[in-house]
PDB file of N, CA and C in Angstrom:
ATOM      1  N   MET A   1      -3.359  -9.559  -9.818  1.00  0.00           N
ATOM      2  CA  MET A   1      -2.271  -9.222  -9.886  1.00  0.00           C
ATOM      3  C   MET A   1      -0.747  -9.662  -8.688  1.00  0.00           C
ATOM      4  N   LYS A   2       0.373 -10.352  -8.692  1.00  0.00           N
ATOM      5  CA  LYS A   2       1.583 -10.176  -7.847  1.00  0.00           C
ATOM      6  C   LYS A   2       2.212  -9.735  -7.932  1.00  0.00           C
ATOM      7  N   PRO A   3       2.219  -8.342  -6.948  1.00  0.00           N
ATOM      8  CA  PRO A   3       3.029  -7.688  -6.283  1.00  0.00           C
ATOM      9  C   PRO A   3       4.581  -9.049  -6.067  1.00  0.00           C
ATOM     10  N   ARG A   4       5.487  -8.134  -6.574  1.00  0.00           N
ATOM     11  CA  ARG A   4       7.023  -8.077  -5.912  1.00  0.00           C
ATOM     12  C   ARG A   4       7.517  -7.117  -5.216  1.00  0.00           C
ATOM     13  N   VAL A   5       8.856  -7.787  -4.350  1.00  0.00           N
ATOM     14  CA  VAL A   5       9.499  -7.059  -3.682  1.00  0.00           C
ATOM     15  C   VAL A   5      10.280  -6.407  -4.123  1.00  0.00           C
ATOM     16  N   GLY A   6       9.807  -5.126  -3.735  1.00  0.00           N
ATOM     17  CA  GLY A   6      10.706  -3.979  -4.386  1.00  0.00           C
ATOM     18  C   GLY A   6       9.710  -3.206  -5.721  1.00  0.00           C
ATOM     19  N   GLN A   7       8.590  -3.588  -5.720  1.00  0.00           N
ATOM     20  CA  GLN A   7       7.900  -3.183  -7.120  1.00  0.00           C
ATOM     21  C   GLN A   7       7.056  -1.935  -6.088  1.00  0.00           C
ATOM     22  N   LEU A   8       7.298  -0.491  -7.100  1.00  0.00           N
ATOM     23  CA  LEU A   8       6.762  -0.395  -7.160  1.00  0.00           C
ATOM     24  C   LEU A   8       4.882   0.368  -7.226  1.00  0.00           C
ATOM     25  N   LEU A   9       4.462   0.539  -6.643  1.00  0.00           N
ATOM     26  CA  LEU A   9       2.781   0.562  -6.537  1.00  0.00           C
ATOM     27  C   LEU A   9       2.499   1.819  -6.567  1.00  0.00           C
ATOM     28  N   ALA A  10       1.346   2.068  -7.537  1.00  0.00           N
ATOM     29  CA  ALA A  10       1.137   4.079  -7.434  1.00  0.00           C
ATOM     30  C   ALA A  10      -0.054   4.022  -7.342  1.00  0.00           C
ATOM     31  N   SER A  11      -1.079   4.687  -6.867  1.00  0.00           N
ATOM     32  CA  SER A  11      -2.706   4.793  -6.839  1.00  0.00           C
ATOM     33  C   SER A  11      -3.245   5.299  -8.218  1.00  0.00           C
ATOM     34  N   THR A  12      -4.661   4.701  -8.324  1.00  0.00           N
ATOM     35  CA  THR A  12      -4.795   5.646  -9.322  1.00  0.00           C
ATOM     36  C   THR A  12      -5.872   6.615  -8.913  1.00  0.00           C
ATOM     37  N   VAL A  13      -6.335   6.918  -8.107  1.00  0.00           N
ATOM     38  CA  VAL A  13      -7.320   8.018  -7.329  1.00  0.00           C
ATOM     39  C   VAL A  13      -6.915   9.287  -6.521  1.00  0.00           C
ATOM     40  N   ASP A  14      -5.465   8.742  -6.197  1.00  0.00           N
ATOM     41  CA  ASP A  14      -4.769  10.083  -5.310  1.00  0.00           C
ATOM     42  C   ASP A  14      -3.406  10.123  -5.770  1.00  0.00           C
ATOM     43  N   GLY A  15      -2.513  10.532  -5.185  1.00  0.00           N
ATOM     44  CA  GLY A  15      -1.188  10.753  -5.252  1.00  0.00           C
ATOM     45  C   GLY A  15      -0.409   9.361  -4.646  1.00  0.00           C
ATOM     46  N   THR A  16      -1.235   8.573  -3.889  1.00  0.00           N
ATOM     47  CA  THR A  16      -0.020   7.950  -2.984  1.00  0.00           C
ATOM     48  C   THR A  16       0.464   6.699  -3.870  1.00  0.00           C
ATOM     49  N   THR A  17       2.071   6.370  -3.393  1.00  0.00           N
ATOM     50  CA  THR A  17       2.969   5.302  -3.831  1.00  0.00           C
ATOM     51  C   THR A  17       3.337   4.917  -2.705  1.00  0.00           C
ATOM     52  N   VAL A  18       3.709   3.234  -2.711  1.00  0.00           N
ATOM     53  CA  VAL A  18       4.902   2.272  -1.772  1.00  0.00           C
ATOM     54  C   VAL A  18       5.163   1.644  -2.828  1.00  0.00           C
ATOM     55  N   ILE A  19       6.112   1.195  -1.546  1.00  0.00           N
ATOM     56  CA  ILE A  19       6.975   0.050  -2.643  1.00  0.00           C
ATOM     57  C   ILE A  19       6.640  -1.110  -1.504  1.00  0.00           C
ATOM     58  N   VAL A  20       7.228  -2.285  -2.090  1.00  0.00           N
ATOM     59  CA  VAL A  20       6.049  -3.433  -2.092  1.00  0.00           C
ATOM     60  C   VAL A  20       7.135  -4.145  -0.753  1.00  0.00           C
ATOM     61  N   VAL A  21       7.722  -3.921   0.372  1.00  0.00           N
ATOM     62  CA  VAL A  21       8.597  -4.875   1.285  1.00  0.00           C
ATOM     63  C   VAL A  21       8.624  -6.260   1.576  1.00  0.00           C
ATOM     64  N   LYS A  22       7.680  -6.679   1.742  1.00  0.00           N
ATOM     65  CA  LYS A  22       7.260  -8.788   1.309  1.00  0.00           C
ATOM     66  C   LYS A  22       5.967  -8.191   1.592  1.00  0.00           C
ATOM     67  N   ALA A  23       5.878  -9.747   0.666  1.00  0.00           N
ATOM     68  CA  ALA A  23       4.977 -10.348  -0.765  1.00  0.00           C
ATOM     69  C   ALA A  23       5.243 -11.897  -0.507  1.00  0.00           C
ATOM     70  N   PRO A  24       3.883 -12.248  -0.302  1.00  0.00           N
ATOM     71  CA  PRO A  24       3.526 -13.885  -0.256  1.00  0.00           C
ATOM     72  C   PRO A  24       3.242 -14.157  -1.543  1.00  0.00           C
ATOM     73  N   ASP A  25       2.866 -15.424  -1.590  1.00  0.00           N
ATOM     74  CA  ASP A  25       2.948 -16.177  -3.108  1.00  0.00           C
ATOM     75  C   ASP A  25       1.239 -16.377  -3.159  1.00  0.00           C
ATOM     76  N   GLY A  26       0.800 -15.858  -4.235  1.00  0.00           N
ATOM     77  CA  GLY A  26      -0.043 -16.046  -5.350  1.00  0.00           C
ATOM     78  C   GLY A  26      -0.499 -14.527  -5.225  1.00  0.00           C
ATOM     79  N   ASP A  27      -1.904 -14.760  -5.825  1.00  0.00           N
ATOM     80  CA  ASP A  27      -2.627 -13.346  -6.501  1.00  0.00           C
ATOM     81  C   ASP A  27      -2.993 -12.804  -5.068  1.00  0.00           C
ATOM     82  N   PHE A  28      -3.280 -11.066  -5.158  1.00  0.00           N
ATOM     83  CA  PHE A  28      -3.766 -10.134  -4.421  1.00  0.00           C
ATOM     84  C   PHE A  28      -3.993  -9.418  -4.871  1.00  0.00           C
ATOM     85  N   THR A  29      -4.976  -7.977  -4.133  1.00  0.00           N
ATOM     86  CA  THR A  29      -4.886  -6.843  -4.878  1.00  0.00           C
ATOM     87  C   THR A  29      -4.869  -6.068  -3.983  1.00  0.00           C
ATOM     88  N   VAL A  30      -3.740  -4.801  -4.291  1.00  0.00           N
ATOM     89  CA  VAL A  30      -3.183  -4.367  -3.106  1.00  0.00           C
ATOM     90  C   VAL A  30      -4.497  -2.656  -3.687  1.00  0.00           C
ATOM     91  N   THR A  31      -5.316  -2.178  -2.811  1.00  0.00           N
ATOM     92  CA  THR A  31      -5.794  -0.482  -3.149  1.00  0.00           C
ATOM     93  C   THR A  31      -5.093   0.420  -2.382  1.00  0.00           C
ATOM     94  N   CYS A  32      -6.071   1.105  -3.213  1.00  0.00           N
ATOM     95  CA  CYS A  32      -5.845   2.312  -2.107  1.00  0.00           C
ATOM     96  C   CYS A  32      -6.670   3.165  -2.233  1.00  0.00           C
ATOM     97  N   GLY A  33      -7.701   3.849  -1.609  1.00  0.00           N
ATOM     98  CA  GLY A  33      -8.350   4.318  -2.355  1.00  0.00           C
ATOM     99  C   GLY A  33     -10.088   3.632  -2.698  1.00  0.00           C
ATOM    100  N   GLY A  34      -9.891   2.552  -2.398  1.00  0.00           N
ATOM    101  CA  GLY A  34     -10.668   1.736  -3.134  1.00  0.00           C
ATOM    102  C   GLY A  34     -10.926   0.931  -4.832  1.00  0.00           C
ATOM    103  N   ALA A  35      -9.297   1.436  -5.260  1.00  0.00           N
ATOM    104  CA  ALA A  35      -9.320   1.044  -6.270  1.00  0.00           C
ATOM    105  C   ALA A  35      -8.184   0.518  -6.455  1.00  0.00           C
ATOM    106  N   ALA A  36      -7.797  -0.601  -7.658  1.00  0.00           N
ATOM    107  CA  ALA A  36      -6.099  -1.549  -7.991  1.00  0.00           C
ATOM    108  C   ALA A  36      -5.302  -0.827  -7.479  1.00  0.00           C
ATOM    109  N   MET A  37      -4.851  -0.661  -6.652  1.00  0.00           N
ATOM    110  CA  MET A  37      -2.495   0.369  -7.248  1.00  0.00           C
ATOM    111  C   MET A  37      -1.924  -0.485  -9.000  1.00  0.00           C
ATOM    112  N   VAL A  38      -1.071   0.283  -9.329  1.00  0.00           N
ATOM    113  CA  VAL A  38      -1.230  -0.078 -10.077  1.00  0.00           C
ATOM    114  C   VAL A  38       0.369   0.105 -10.590  1.00  0.00           C
ATOM    115  N   ASP A  39       0.955  -0.406 -11.355  1.00  0.00           N
ATOM    116  CA  ASP A  39       2.750  -0.160 -11.630  1.00  0.00           C
ATOM    117  C   ASP A  39       2.665   1.515 -12.512  1.00  0.00           C
ATOM    118  N   PRO A  40       3.285   2.065 -12.150  1.00  0.00           N
ATOM    119  CA  PRO A  40       3.492   3.765 -12.417  1.00  0.00           C
ATOM    120  C   PRO A  40       3.299   3.921 -13.710  1.00  0.00           C
ATOM    121  N   LYS A  41       4.369   2.558 -14.061  1.00  0.00           N
ATOM    122  CA  LYS A  41       5.332   2.142 -15.441  1.00  0.00           C
ATOM    123  C   LYS A  41       4.235   1.892 -16.553  1.00  0.00           C
ATOM    124  N   ALA A  42       3.042   1.477 -16.025  1.00  0.00           N
ATOM    125  CA  ALA A  42       2.623   0.407 -17.011  1.00  0.00           C
ATOM    126  C   ALA A  42       1.942   1.206 -18.366  1.00  0.00           C
ATOM    127  N   LYS A  43       1.653   0.661 -18.582  1.00  0.00           N
ATOM    128  CA  LYS A  43       0.491   1.920 -20.032  1.00  0.00           C
ATOM    129  C   LYS A  43      -0.986   2.177 -19.242  1.00  0.00           C
ATOM    130  N   ASP A  44      -1.670   1.200 -18.820  1.00  0.00           N
ATOM    131  CA  ASP A  44      -2.564   1.532 -17.545  1.00  0.00           C
ATOM    132  C   ASP A  44      -2.843   2.009 -15.917  1.00  0.00           C
ATOM    133  N   ALA A  45      -1.968   3.144 -15.684  1.00  0.00           N
ATOM    134  CA  ALA A  45      -1.793   4.391 -14.776  1.00  0.00           C
ATOM    135  C   ALA A  45      -2.462   4.856 -14.955  1.00  0.00           C
ATOM    136  N   ALA A  46      -3.420   5.540 -15.541  1.00  0.00           N
ATOM    137  CA  ALA A  46      -3.835   6.241 -15.709  1.00  0.00           C
ATOM    138  C   ALA A  46      -4.670   6.326 -15.263  1.00  0.00           C
ATOM    139  N   PRO A  47      -5.728   7.179 -14.410  1.00  0.00           N
ATOM    140  CA  PRO A  47      -6.665   7.406 -13.250  1.00  0.00           C
ATOM    141  C   PRO A  47      -7.393   6.960 -13.796  1.00  0.00           C
ATOM    142  N   ALA A  48      -8.322   6.162 -12.479  1.00  0.00           N
ATOM    143  CA  ALA A  48      -9.246   5.405 -12.480  1.00  0.00           C
ATOM    144  C   ALA A  48     -10.832   5.764 -11.857  1.00  0.00           C
ATOM    145  N   GLY A  49     -10.935   7.219 -11.951  1.00  0.00           N
ATOM    146  CA  GLY A  49     -12.016   7.436 -11.855  1.00  0.00           C
ATOM    147  C   GLY A  49     -12.642   8.306  -9.829  1.00  0.00           C
ATOM    148  N   GLU A  50     -13.408   8.358  -9.261  1.00  0.00           N
ATOM    149  CA  GLU A  50     -13.799   8.334  -8.100  1.00  0.00           C
ATOM    150  C   GLU A  50     -13.567   7.849  -6.744  1.00  0.00           C
ATOM    151  N   PRO A  51     -12.345   7.520  -5.889  1.00  0.00           N
ATOM    152  CA  PRO A  51     -11.795   7.262  -5.027  1.00  0.00           C
ATOM    153  C   PRO A  51     -13.727   6.604  -3.934  1.00  0.00           C
ATOM    154  N   ASP A  52     -13.318   5.346  -3.474  1.00  0.00           N
ATOM    155  CA  ASP A  52     -14.357   5.379  -2.476  1.00  0.00           C
ATOM    156  C   ASP A  52     -14.363   6.239  -0.915  1.00  0.00           C
ATOM    157  N   PRO A  53     -15.405   6.636  -0.786  1.00  0.00           N
ATOM    158  CA  PRO A  53     -15.062   7.947   0.303  1.00  0.00           C
ATOM    159  C   PRO A  53     -14.739   6.997   1.363  1.00  0.00           C
ATOM    160  N   ALA A  54     -15.493   5.788   1.933  1.00  0.00           N
ATOM    161  CA  ALA A  54     -15.626   5.152   2.919  1.00  0.00           C
ATOM    162  C   ALA A  54     -14.211   4.585   3.090  1.00  0.00           C
ATOM    163  N   GLN A  55     -13.229   4.261   1.779  1.00  0.00           N
ATOM    164  CA  GLN A  55     -11.339   4.047   2.674  1.00  0.00           C
ATOM    165  C   GLN A  55     -11.151   5.461   2.090  1.00  0.00           C
ATOM    166  N   MET A  56     -11.200   6.450   2.319  1.00  0.00           N
ATOM    167  CA  MET A  56     -10.271   7.588   2.507  1.00  0.00           C
ATOM    168  C   MET A  56      -9.250   8.616   3.595  1.00  0.00           C
ATOM    169  N   ASP A  57      -9.165   7.199   4.411  1.00  0.00           N
ATOM    170  CA  ASP A  57      -8.560   7.712   5.880  1.00  0.00           C
ATOM    171  C   ASP A  57      -7.135   7.837   5.682  1.00  0.00           C
ATOM    172  N   GLY A  58      -6.379   7.897   4.585  1.00  0.00           N
ATOM    173  CA  GLY A  58      -4.983   8.261   4.433  1.00  0.00           C
ATOM    174  C   GLY A  58      -4.594   7.523   4.967  1.00  0.00           C
ATOM    175  N   SER A  59      -3.210   7.706   4.321  1.00  0.00           N
ATOM    176  CA  SER A  59      -1.725   7.185   4.507  1.00  0.00           C
ATOM    177  C   SER A  59      -0.027   8.000   4.941  1.00  0.00           C
ATOM    178  N   GLN A  60       0.528   7.422   5.705  1.00  0.00           N
ATOM    179  CA  GLN A  60       1.256   8.187   5.854  1.00  0.00           C
ATOM    180  C   GLN A  60       2.751   8.241   6.023  1.00  0.00           C
ATOM    181  N   LEU A  61       3.548   9.428   5.455  1.00  0.00           N
ATOM    182  CA  LEU A  61       4.545   8.911   4.748  1.00  0.00           C
ATOM    183  C   LEU A  61       5.565   8.685   5.369  1.00  0.00           C
ATOM    184  N   GLY A  62       6.500   7.367   5.262  1.00  0.00           N
ATOM    185  CA  GLY A  62       7.494   6.576   5.241  1.00  0.00           C
ATOM    186  C   GLY A  62       6.954   5.660   6.604  1.00  0.00           C
ATOM    187  N   LYS A  63       5.763   5.917   6.517  1.00  0.00           N
ATOM    188  CA  LYS A  63       5.021   4.395   7.714  1.00  0.00           C
ATOM    189  C   LYS A  63       4.922   3.203   6.737  1.00  0.00           C
ATOM    190  N   ARG A  64       5.515   2.289   7.521  1.00  0.00           N
ATOM    191  CA  ARG A  64       5.065   0.374   7.098  1.00  0.00           C
ATOM    192  C   ARG A  64       3.460   0.384   7.307  1.00  0.00           C
ATOM    193  N   TYR A  65       2.861  -1.094   5.883  1.00  0.00           N
ATOM    194  CA  TYR A  65       2.168  -1.127   6.460  1.00  0.00           C
ATOM    195  C   TYR A  65       1.776  -2.410   6.053  1.00  0.00           C
ATOM    196  N   ALA A  66       1.308  -2.887   7.096  1.00  0.00           N
ATOM    197  CA  ALA A  66       1.485  -4.955   7.002  1.00  0.00           C
ATOM    198  C   ALA A  66       0.135  -5.592   7.232  1.00  0.00           C
ATOM    199  N   ASP A  67       0.461  -6.225   6.744  1.00  0.00           N
ATOM    200  CA  ASP A  67      -1.108  -8.151   7.104  1.00  0.00           C
ATOM    201  C   ASP A  67      -0.137  -9.116   7.533  1.00  0.00           C
ATOM    202  N   ASP A  68       0.080  -9.633   8.654  1.00  0.00           N
ATOM    203  CA  ASP A  68       1.813  -9.865   9.226  1.00  0.00           C
ATOM    204  C   ASP A  68       0.513 -11.584   8.846  1.00  0.00           C
ATOM    205  N   GLU A  69      -0.674 -12.109   8.720  1.00  0.00           N
ATOM    206  CA  GLU A  69      -1.068 -13.816   8.311  1.00  0.00           C
ATOM    207  C   GLU A  69      -0.701 -13.626   6.934  1.00  0.00           C
ATOM    208  N   LEU A  70      -1.538 -12.667   5.636  1.00  0.00           N
ATOM    209  CA  LEU A  70      -1.036 -12.761   4.622  1.00  0.00           C
ATOM    210  C   LEU A  70       0.842 -12.445   3.897  1.00  0.00           C
ATOM    211  N   GLY A  71       1.492 -11.642   5.337  1.00  0.00           N
ATOM    212  CA  GLY A  71       2.666 -11.470   5.142  1.00  0.00           C
ATOM    213  C   GLY A  71       2.903 -10.548   3.827  1.00  0.00           C
ATOM    214  N   LEU A  72       2.282  -9.484   3.839  1.00  0.00           N
ATOM    215  CA  LEU A  72       2.612  -8.473   3.078  1.00  0.00           C
ATOM    216  C   LEU A  72       2.903  -6.981   3.518  1.00  0.00           C
ATOM    217  N   GLU A  73       3.726  -6.553   3.590  1.00  0.00           N
ATOM    218  CA  GLU A  73       4.386  -4.786   4.071  1.00  0.00           C
ATOM    219  C   GLU A  73       4.784  -4.009   2.819  1.00  0.00           C
ATOM    220  N   VAL A  74       4.079  -3.250   2.449  1.00  0.00           N
ATOM    221  CA  VAL A  74       4.592  -2.334   2.261  1.00  0.00           C
ATOM    222  C   VAL A  74       5.389  -1.116   2.681  1.00  0.00           C
ATOM    223  N   LEU A  75       5.671  -0.035   2.674  1.00  0.00           N
ATOM    224  CA  LEU A  75       5.943   0.967   2.963  1.00  0.00           C
ATOM    225  C   LEU A  75       5.405   2.485   2.046  1.00  0.00           C
ATOM    226  N   VAL A  76       5.196   3.635   2.864  1.00  0.00           N
ATOM    227  CA  VAL A  76       4.404   4.606   2.028  1.00  0.00           C
ATOM    228  C   VAL A  76       5.257   5.394   1.582  1.00  0.00           C
ATOM    229  N   THR A  77       6.253   5.487  -0.076  1.00  0.00           N
ATOM    230  CA  THR A  77       6.840   7.012  -0.205  1.00  0.00           C
ATOM    231  C   THR A  77       6.231   7.972   0.024  1.00  0.00           C
ATOM    232  N   LYS A  78       5.228   7.683  -1.169  1.00  0.00           N
ATOM    233  CA  LYS A  78       4.469   8.908  -1.233  1.00  0.00           C
ATOM    234  C   LYS A  78       2.920   8.686  -0.798  1.00  0.00           C
ATOM    235  N   ALA A  79       2.740   9.954   0.775  1.00  0.00           N
ATOM    236  CA  ALA A  79       1.631   9.778   1.490  1.00  0.00           C
ATOM    237  C   ALA A  79       0.520  10.303   0.229  1.00  0.00           C
ATOM    238  N   GLY A  80      -0.785   9.976   0.554  1.00  0.00           N
ATOM    239  CA  GLY A  80      -2.117  10.491  -0.030  1.00  0.00           C
ATOM    240  C   GLY A  80      -3.384   9.909   0.841  1.00  0.00           C
ATOM    241  N   GLN A  81      -4.638  10.651   0.465  1.00  0.00           N
ATOM    242  CA  GLN A  81      -5.673  10.293   1.482  1.00  0.00           C
ATOM    243  C   GLN A  81      -6.508   8.760   0.827  1.00  0.00           C
ATOM    244  N   GLY A  82      -5.726   8.626   0.332  1.00  0.00           N
ATOM    245  CA  GLY A  82      -7.190   6.812  -0.156  1.00  0.00           C
ATOM    246  C   GLY A  82      -6.511   6.522   0.877  1.00  0.00           C
ATOM    247  N   THR A  83      -7.052   5.285   1.903  1.00  0.00           N
ATOM    248  CA  THR A  83      -6.499   4.124   2.645  1.00  0.00           C
ATOM    249  C   THR A  83      -5.929   2.710   1.628  1.00  0.00           C
ATOM    250  N   ILE A  84      -4.821   2.536   2.182  1.00  0.00           N
ATOM    251  CA  ILE A  84      -3.815   1.185   1.309  1.00  0.00           C
ATOM    252  C   ILE A  84      -5.144  -0.237   1.881  1.00  0.00           C
ATOM    253  N   ALA A  85      -5.570  -0.978   1.291  1.00  0.00           N
ATOM    254  CA  ALA A  85      -5.830  -2.215   1.636  1.00  0.00           C
ATOM    255  C   ALA A  85      -5.520  -3.365   0.441  1.00  0.00           C
ATOM    256  N   VAL A  86      -5.636  -4.353   1.029  1.00  0.00           N
ATOM    257  CA  VAL A  86      -5.170  -6.055   0.280  1.00  0.00           C
ATOM    258  C   VAL A  86      -6.605  -6.668   0.705  1.00  0.00           C
ATOM    259  N   ASN A  87      -7.583  -7.031  -0.524  1.00  0.00           N
ATOM    260  CA  ASN A  87      -8.388  -7.672  -0.798  1.00  0.00           C
ATOM    261  C   ASN A  87      -9.277  -7.209  -0.096  1.00  0.00           C
ATOM    262  N   GLY A  88      -9.430  -5.313  -0.500  1.00  0.00           N
ATOM    263  CA  GLY A  88     -10.930  -5.565   0.444  1.00  0.00           C
ATOM    264  C   GLY A  88     -10.589  -4.759   2.053  1.00  0.00           C
ATOM    265  N   THR A  89      -9.235  -5.069   2.767  1.00  0.00           N
ATOM    266  CA  THR A  89      -9.519  -5.456   3.807  1.00  0.00           C
ATOM    267  C   THR A  89      -8.051  -4.101   3.907  1.00  0.00           C
ATOM    268  N   PRO A  90      -8.576  -2.773   4.563  1.00  0.00           N
ATOM    269  CA  PRO A  90      -7.100  -1.830   4.984  1.00  0.00           C
ATOM    270  C   PRO A  90      -6.379  -2.882   6.137  1.00  0.00           C
ATOM    271  N   LEU A  91      -5.153  -2.600   5.358  1.00  0.00           N
ATOM    272  CA  LEU A  91      -3.874  -2.360   5.730  1.00  0.00           C
ATOM    273  C   LEU A  91      -3.306  -1.904   7.533  1.00  0.00           C
ATOM    274  N   PRO A  92      -3.149  -2.357   8.514  1.00  0.00           N
ATOM    275  CA  PRO A  92      -2.843  -1.573   9.449  1.00  0.00           C
ATOM    276  C   PRO A  92      -1.596  -0.925   9.630  1.00  0.00           C
ATOM    277  N   LEU A  93      -1.042   0.003  10.520  1.00  0.00           N
ATOM    278  CA  LEU A  93       0.634   0.590  10.751  1.00  0.00           C
ATOM    279  C   LEU A  93       1.295  -0.049  11.233  1.00  0.00           C
ATOM    280  N   LYS A  94       2.016  -0.321  11.065  1.00  0.00           N
ATOM    281  CA  LYS A  94       2.724  -1.051  11.376  1.00  0.00           C
ATOM    282  C   LYS A  94       3.283  -1.065  12.678  1.00  0.00           C
ATOM    283  N   ASP A  95       3.406  -1.264  13.369  1.00  0.00           N
ATOM    284  CA  ASP A  95       3.706  -1.278  15.125  1.00  0.00           C
ATOM    285  C   ASP A  95       5.801  -0.987  14.611  1.00  0.00           C
ATOM    286  N   ALA A  96       6.196   0.140  15.569  1.00  0.00           N
ATOM    287  CA  ALA A  96       7.466   0.029  15.438  1.00  0.00           C
ATOM    288  C   ALA A  96       8.249  -0.360  16.596  1.00  0.00           C
ATOM    289  N   LYS A  97       9.334  -0.933  16.449  1.00  0.00           N
ATOM    290  CA  LYS A  97      10.198  -2.214  17.289  1.00  0.00           C
ATOM    291  C   LYS A  97      10.896  -0.983  18.191  1.00  0.00           C
ATOM    292  N   PRO A  98      11.154  -1.447  19.113  1.00  0.00           N
ATOM    293  CA  PRO A  98      11.656  -0.211  20.614  1.00  0.00           C
ATOM    294  C   PRO A  98      12.903  -0.501  19.644  1.00  0.00           C
ATOM    295  N   LEU A  99      14.074   0.560  19.326  1.00  0.00           N
ATOM    296  CA  LEU A  99      15.248   0.436  20.051  1.00  0.00           C
ATOM    297  C   LEU A  99      16.205  -0.422  21.108  1.00  0.00           C
ATOM    298  N   PRO A 100      17.112  -1.444  21.772  1.00  0.00           N
ATOM    299  CA  PRO A 100      17.032  -1.308  22.668  1.00  0.00           C
ATOM    300  C   PRO A 100      18.255  -0.400  23.808  1.00  0.00           C
ATOM    301  N   ALA A 101      18.018  -0.245  24.552  1.00  0.00           N
ATOM    302  CA  ALA A 101      18.791   0.674  25.359  1.00  0.00           C
ATOM    303  C   ALA A 101      20.179   0.720  25.820  1.00  0.00           C
ATOM    304  N   SER A 102      20.737   1.400  25.826  1.00  0.00           N
ATOM    305  CA  SER A 102      22.048   1.848  25.415  1.00  0.00           C
ATOM    306  C   SER A 102      22.796   2.284  26.326  1.00  0.00           C
ATOM    307  N   ASP A 103      23.441   1.557  27.679  1.00  0.00           N
ATOM    308  CA  ASP A 103      23.960   1.817  28.427  1.00  0.00           C
ATOM    309  C   ASP A 103      25.319   2.637  28.332  1.00  0.00           C
TER     310      ASP A 103
END
């Protein structure tokens, strides 16, 4: 699957949803809880069974998860128990940039 910028993706094992903020060229698989995330408006968006217990560390609402090497960034719009990953590698939480000091 090739996610595109602005696309909504939903988990098939829990209630997690994300919006793709940055997406590289090429095919890759975004997963949550070990199962591929899908377009919630698509016909194949039905739950896919049991999540992988090793990938159930959760996600945080309103936080960005990114893989800088790949160039992928997603924003969590609905948190869940599944770990967001790309091609089987968990995405780390993106660090917030500090605001400039105001005098």
